[in-house]
Amino acid sequence: MRVAWATELGDPRRGNEDFVAAAPGAVVVLDGCGLALGTDLGCVHGTAWYSRSLGMRLLSRLVDGLGDAPQAGPPVGPPEGAHRPDERPLVGRLAGAIADVAASHRATCDLTCPTTPAATVVALRVRGDLVDYLVLADSTLLLDGADGLQEITGGPYYAAADPSAAQYAITGTVPLGGLRAAYLMTDGATRPADLFGMADWRGLAGLVEKEGPAALIARTREIERTDPRGIRWPRAKPHDDATVAHCVFEG
């Protein structure tokens, strides 16, 4: 698997709260939940720190194969129709990473604060002749394979201080041989398709494939600058942090 990525902050006042990293056979993309400037997070570290800390711990667990960690607080069951834990191999990895981060700053921060730092998560791991994926919250994964392009965007649950949030991730496993490429994107990069209506998912994938991840971010910024006050496309942020990782599978 070859991985190329690009990331760009949306607002210099808050820094880039997205995070992207890769190791042999694994890649993670996170989007820190950027609340209004000045919001009390109950945390001395901030959202960018949380995204970075969770992303690095998750990547390590994907590569090292570390499994479940004890949950903090009462367990929350998986959503209706969820698979058994052994059928969703990345859920335990994410739950363990969330628990690790919570333990690292519980002594200095109020993790019960409802605005405690949180993030979306997209993860991909090659496991022999299989590829496991996980999507939590509103970032997007595109899988380009023999059956066409599959778009996967997560639901309303975010990674924060409770490891049980991992149970709400969308997960799956696909044959490596049937997969040509994968695209991991935060919602700051998918705006041309899911907010502006200026492209479809195939168009986004084609732009990244032809010109690289940075080209999609540049195209997003170009459209945003035509509506700087958010009149045509109402949005909380004129520009959001944007991250794209492009994975190509060979052979």
Protein backbone atom coordinates (compact mmCIF):
# COMPACT_ATOMS: atom_id res chain seq x y z
CA MET A 1 0.00 0.00 0.00
CA ARG A 2 1.31 3.42 -1.00
CA VAL A 3 -0.04 6.43 0.89
CA ALA A 4 0.06 10.12 -0.03
CA TRP A 5 -1.65 12.84 1.97
CA ALA A 6 -2.17 16.55 2.32
CA THR A 7 -3.59 18.62 5.18
CA GLU A 8 -4.27 22.34 5.58
CA LEU A 9 -5.62 24.37 8.47
CA GLY A 10 -8.79 26.40 8.05
CA ASP A 11 -8.26 29.11 10.65
CA PRO A 12 -4.80 30.23 11.85
CA ARG A 13 -6.28 31.35 15.17
CA ARG A 14 -6.91 27.76 16.25
CA GLY A 15 -4.28 25.81 14.29
CA ASN A 16 -4.88 22.57 12.44
CA GLU A 17 -7.03 20.23 14.54
CA ASP A 18 -6.94 17.48 11.89
CA PHE A 19 -4.36 14.70 12.13
CA VAL A 20 -3.04 12.21 9.58
CA ALA A 21 -0.35 9.56 9.91
CA ALA A 22 0.64 6.30 8.26
CA ALA A 23 2.86 3.31 8.95
CA PRO A 24 3.49 0.18 6.89
CA GLY A 25 0.05 -1.29 6.29
CA ALA A 26 -1.99 1.28 8.22
CA VAL A 27 -3.25 4.87 7.99
CA VAL A 28 -5.39 7.07 10.24
CA VAL A 29 -7.15 10.40 9.66
CA LEU A 30 -8.81 12.33 12.49
CA ASP A 31 -10.79 15.57 12.57
CA GLY A 32 -10.80 17.35 15.92
CA CYS A 33 -14.22 18.76 16.81
CA GLY A 34 -13.48 22.47 16.62
CA LEU A 35 -15.93 24.30 18.86
CA ALA A 36 -16.31 28.07 18.99
CA LEU A 37 -13.14 29.88 20.02
CA GLY A 38 -13.12 30.43 23.77
CA THR A 39 -15.25 27.36 24.59
CA ASP A 40 -14.28 25.81 27.93
CA LEU A 41 -13.13 22.28 27.09
CA GLY A 42 -12.26 21.35 30.66
CA CYS A 43 -8.86 20.39 29.23
CA VAL A 44 -5.54 22.21 29.41
CA HIS A 45 -4.28 20.55 26.21
CA GLY A 46 -6.86 21.40 23.55
CA THR A 47 -8.43 19.74 20.55
CA ALA A 48 -5.34 19.55 18.32
CA TRP A 49 -3.48 17.74 21.10
CA TYR A 50 -6.35 15.30 21.48
CA SER A 51 -6.50 14.48 17.76
CA ARG A 52 -2.75 14.00 17.63
CA SER A 53 -2.63 11.88 20.79
CA LEU A 54 -5.51 9.64 19.78
CA GLY A 55 -4.23 9.30 16.21
CA MET A 56 -0.74 8.23 17.28
CA ARG A 57 -2.04 5.75 19.83
CA LEU A 58 -4.51 4.26 17.37
CA LEU A 59 -1.86 3.94 14.66
CA SER A 60 0.43 2.16 17.12
CA ARG A 61 -2.33 -0.27 18.05
CA LEU A 62 -3.11 -0.96 14.39
CA VAL A 63 0.51 -1.75 13.64
CA ASP A 64 1.31 -3.64 16.87
CA GLY A 65 -1.98 -5.53 17.00
CA LEU A 66 -2.89 -4.44 20.52
CA GLY A 67 -6.46 -5.34 21.38
CA ASP A 68 -9.18 -4.31 23.76
CA ALA A 69 -8.57 -2.16 26.81
CA PRO A 70 -10.79 -1.92 29.90
CA GLN A 71 -13.59 0.58 29.44
CA ALA A 72 -13.84 3.67 31.63
CA GLY A 73 -17.24 3.90 33.28
CA PRO A 74 -20.30 1.72 32.65
CA PRO A 75 -20.20 -0.23 29.40
CA VAL A 76 -22.45 0.82 26.56
CA GLY A 77 -23.68 -1.92 24.26
CA PRO A 78 -23.16 -1.81 20.50
CA PRO A 79 -25.87 -0.27 18.34
CA GLU A 80 -28.68 -2.46 17.10
CA GLY A 81 -27.51 -4.83 14.41
CA ALA A 82 -23.82 -4.51 15.32
CA HIS A 83 -21.49 -7.46 14.82
CA ARG A 84 -19.84 -9.42 17.59
CA PRO A 85 -16.57 -7.81 18.81
CA ASP A 86 -14.44 -10.53 17.17
CA GLU A 87 -16.03 -9.63 13.82
CA ARG A 88 -15.07 -5.96 14.18
CA PRO A 89 -11.31 -6.09 14.77
CA LEU A 90 -10.65 -2.34 14.76
CA VAL A 91 -13.26 -1.47 17.40
CA GLY A 92 -11.09 -2.81 20.21
CA ARG A 93 -8.07 -0.94 18.84
CA LEU A 94 -9.96 2.35 18.87
CA ALA A 95 -11.48 1.73 22.30
CA GLY A 96 -8.04 1.00 23.68
CA ALA A 97 -6.58 4.15 22.15
CA ILE A 98 -9.41 6.29 23.58
CA ALA A 99 -8.80 4.75 27.01
CA ASP A 100 -5.06 5.45 26.70
CA VAL A 101 -5.61 9.14 25.96
CA ALA A 102 -8.18 9.51 28.73
CA ALA A 103 -5.74 8.00 31.24
CA SER A 104 -2.96 10.32 30.08
CA HIS A 105 -4.82 13.52 31.03
CA ARG A 106 -7.46 12.50 33.59
CA ALA A 107 -5.29 13.87 36.42
CA THR A 108 -5.06 17.35 34.89
CA CYS A 109 -8.36 17.74 33.01
CA ASP A 110 -12.09 17.39 33.64
CA LEU A 111 -13.10 14.55 31.32
CA THR A 112 -16.73 14.84 32.45
CA CYS A 113 -17.00 18.25 30.77
CA PRO A 114 -19.57 17.88 27.93
CA THR A 115 -17.22 19.80 25.62
CA THR A 116 -14.17 17.67 26.39
CA PRO A 117 -11.96 17.38 23.27
CA ALA A 118 -13.32 14.96 20.68
CA ALA A 119 -12.58 13.83 17.15
CA THR A 120 -13.85 11.87 14.17
CA VAL A 121 -11.81 8.83 13.15
CA VAL A 122 -11.12 7.04 9.87
CA ALA A 123 -8.69 4.12 9.96
CA LEU A 124 -7.51 1.54 7.45
CA ARG A 125 -5.31 -1.50 8.01
CA VAL A 126 -3.96 -4.18 5.70
CA ARG A 127 -4.12 -7.61 7.37
CA GLY A 128 -2.68 -10.27 5.13
CA ASP A 129 -4.98 -10.51 2.11
CA LEU A 130 -7.69 -8.45 3.84
CA VAL A 131 -8.24 -4.74 4.48
CA ASP A 132 -10.03 -3.65 7.66
CA TYR A 133 -11.62 -0.20 7.89
CA LEU A 134 -13.32 1.93 10.55
CA VAL A 135 -15.25 5.20 10.30
CA LEU A 136 -16.51 7.09 13.36
CA ALA A 137 -18.52 10.32 13.01
CA ASP A 138 -18.73 12.54 9.95
CA SER A 139 -15.47 11.99 8.15
CA THR A 140 -15.59 9.92 4.95
CA LEU A 141 -13.93 6.84 3.50
CA LEU A 142 -14.14 6.02 -0.21
CA LEU A 143 -13.26 2.49 -1.29
CA ASP A 144 -12.57 2.03 -4.99
CA GLY A 145 -12.75 -1.63 -5.95
CA ALA A 146 -14.03 -4.14 -8.42
CA ASP A 147 -17.64 -3.31 -7.55
CA GLY A 148 -17.19 0.43 -8.04
CA LEU A 149 -16.85 3.27 -5.57
CA GLN A 150 -18.28 2.81 -2.08
CA GLU A 151 -18.81 5.89 0.12
CA ILE A 152 -18.83 5.42 3.90
CA THR A 153 -19.55 8.32 6.25
CA GLY A 154 -20.01 7.76 9.96
CA GLY A 155 -22.83 8.72 12.29
CA PRO A 156 -23.33 11.11 15.23
CA TYR A 157 -20.93 9.55 17.75
CA TYR A 158 -17.41 10.96 18.26
CA ALA A 159 -14.31 9.71 20.01
CA ALA A 160 -13.87 11.67 23.26
CA ALA A 161 -13.19 10.32 26.78
CA ASP A 162 -15.41 7.22 26.81
CA PRO A 163 -13.98 4.13 25.04
CA SER A 164 -17.47 2.72 24.48
CA ALA A 165 -17.96 5.29 21.67
CA ALA A 166 -15.88 2.96 19.49
CA GLN A 167 -18.82 0.54 19.38
CA TYR A 168 -20.71 3.02 17.20
CA ALA A 169 -18.10 3.06 14.45
CA ILE A 170 -18.92 1.72 11.00
CA THR A 171 -16.49 -1.10 10.28
CA GLY A 172 -15.86 -3.68 7.64
CA THR A 173 -13.35 -5.98 5.99
CA VAL A 174 -12.81 -6.35 2.25
CA PRO A 175 -10.47 -8.52 0.16
CA LEU A 176 -7.22 -6.76 -0.63
CA GLY A 177 -7.19 -8.22 -4.13
CA GLY A 178 -10.44 -6.49 -5.06
CA LEU A 179 -9.39 -3.04 -3.86
CA ARG A 180 -7.67 -0.51 -6.09
CA ALA A 181 -7.58 2.60 -3.90
CA ALA A 182 -8.98 4.18 -0.75
CA TYR A 183 -9.55 7.83 0.15
CA LEU A 184 -9.73 8.99 3.79
CA MET A 185 -11.09 12.54 4.09
CA THR A 186 -12.22 14.95 6.78
CA ASP A 187 -15.39 16.96 6.15
CA GLY A 188 -13.33 20.07 5.46
CA ALA A 189 -12.13 18.36 2.29
CA THR A 190 -15.39 16.74 1.21
CA ARG A 191 -17.31 20.03 1.01
CA PRO A 192 -17.39 20.11 -2.82
CA ALA A 193 -19.51 16.94 -2.73
CA ASP A 194 -21.51 16.98 0.51
CA LEU A 195 -21.98 20.71 1.12
CA PHE A 196 -21.47 22.66 -2.10
CA GLY A 197 -22.89 20.12 -4.55
CA MET A 198 -20.16 20.99 -7.05
CA ALA A 199 -18.94 17.41 -7.52
CA ASP A 200 -19.89 13.82 -6.77
CA TRP A 201 -17.79 11.26 -4.90
CA ARG A 202 -16.36 9.88 -8.13
CA GLY A 203 -15.33 13.39 -9.10
CA LEU A 204 -13.49 13.87 -5.81
CA ALA A 205 -11.73 10.54 -6.15
CA GLY A 206 -10.79 11.28 -9.75
CA LEU A 207 -9.28 14.64 -8.84
CA VAL A 208 -7.17 13.08 -6.09
CA GLU A 209 -6.10 10.21 -8.31
CA LYS A 210 -5.09 12.52 -11.15
CA GLU A 211 -3.59 15.51 -9.32
CA GLY A 212 -3.02 14.37 -5.74
CA PRO A 213 -4.61 15.07 -2.33
CA ALA A 214 -3.51 18.73 -2.25
CA ALA A 215 -5.51 19.40 -5.43
CA LEU A 216 -8.79 18.51 -3.71
CA ILE A 217 -8.03 20.86 -0.82
CA ALA A 218 -7.11 23.61 -3.28
CA ARG A 219 -10.38 23.07 -5.15
CA THR A 220 -12.30 23.26 -1.87
CA ARG A 221 -10.64 26.55 -0.96
CA GLU A 222 -11.35 27.93 -4.42
CA ILE A 223 -15.07 27.29 -4.01
CA GLU A 224 -15.11 28.62 -0.44
CA ARG A 225 -13.57 31.92 -1.54
CA THR A 226 -16.54 32.54 -3.84
CA ASP A 227 -18.81 32.61 -0.77
CA PRO A 228 -16.67 33.99 2.09
CA ARG A 229 -19.63 35.01 4.25
CA GLY A 230 -21.47 31.70 3.96
CA ILE A 231 -24.52 33.13 2.22
CA ARG A 232 -24.86 30.66 -0.65
CA TRP A 233 -23.68 27.74 1.48
CA PRO A 234 -24.41 28.43 5.18
CA ARG A 235 -21.64 26.97 7.34
CA ALA A 236 -20.13 27.53 10.78
CA LYS A 237 -16.63 28.10 9.41
CA PRO A 238 -15.74 29.86 6.13
CA HIS A 239 -12.78 27.47 5.86
CA ASP A 240 -12.41 24.24 7.81
CA ASP A 241 -9.32 22.15 8.42
CA ALA A 242 -9.05 19.79 5.45
CA THR A 243 -7.18 16.49 5.20
CA VAL A 244 -7.02 13.87 2.44
CA ALA A 245 -5.10 10.58 2.48
CA HIS A 246 -4.91 8.56 -0.75
CA CYS A 247 -4.03 4.85 -0.50
CA VAL A 248 -3.13 2.88 -3.60
CA PHE A 249 -3.08 -0.93 -3.50
CA GLU A 250 -0.80 -2.67 -5.95
CA GLY A 251 -0.90 -6.20 -7.26
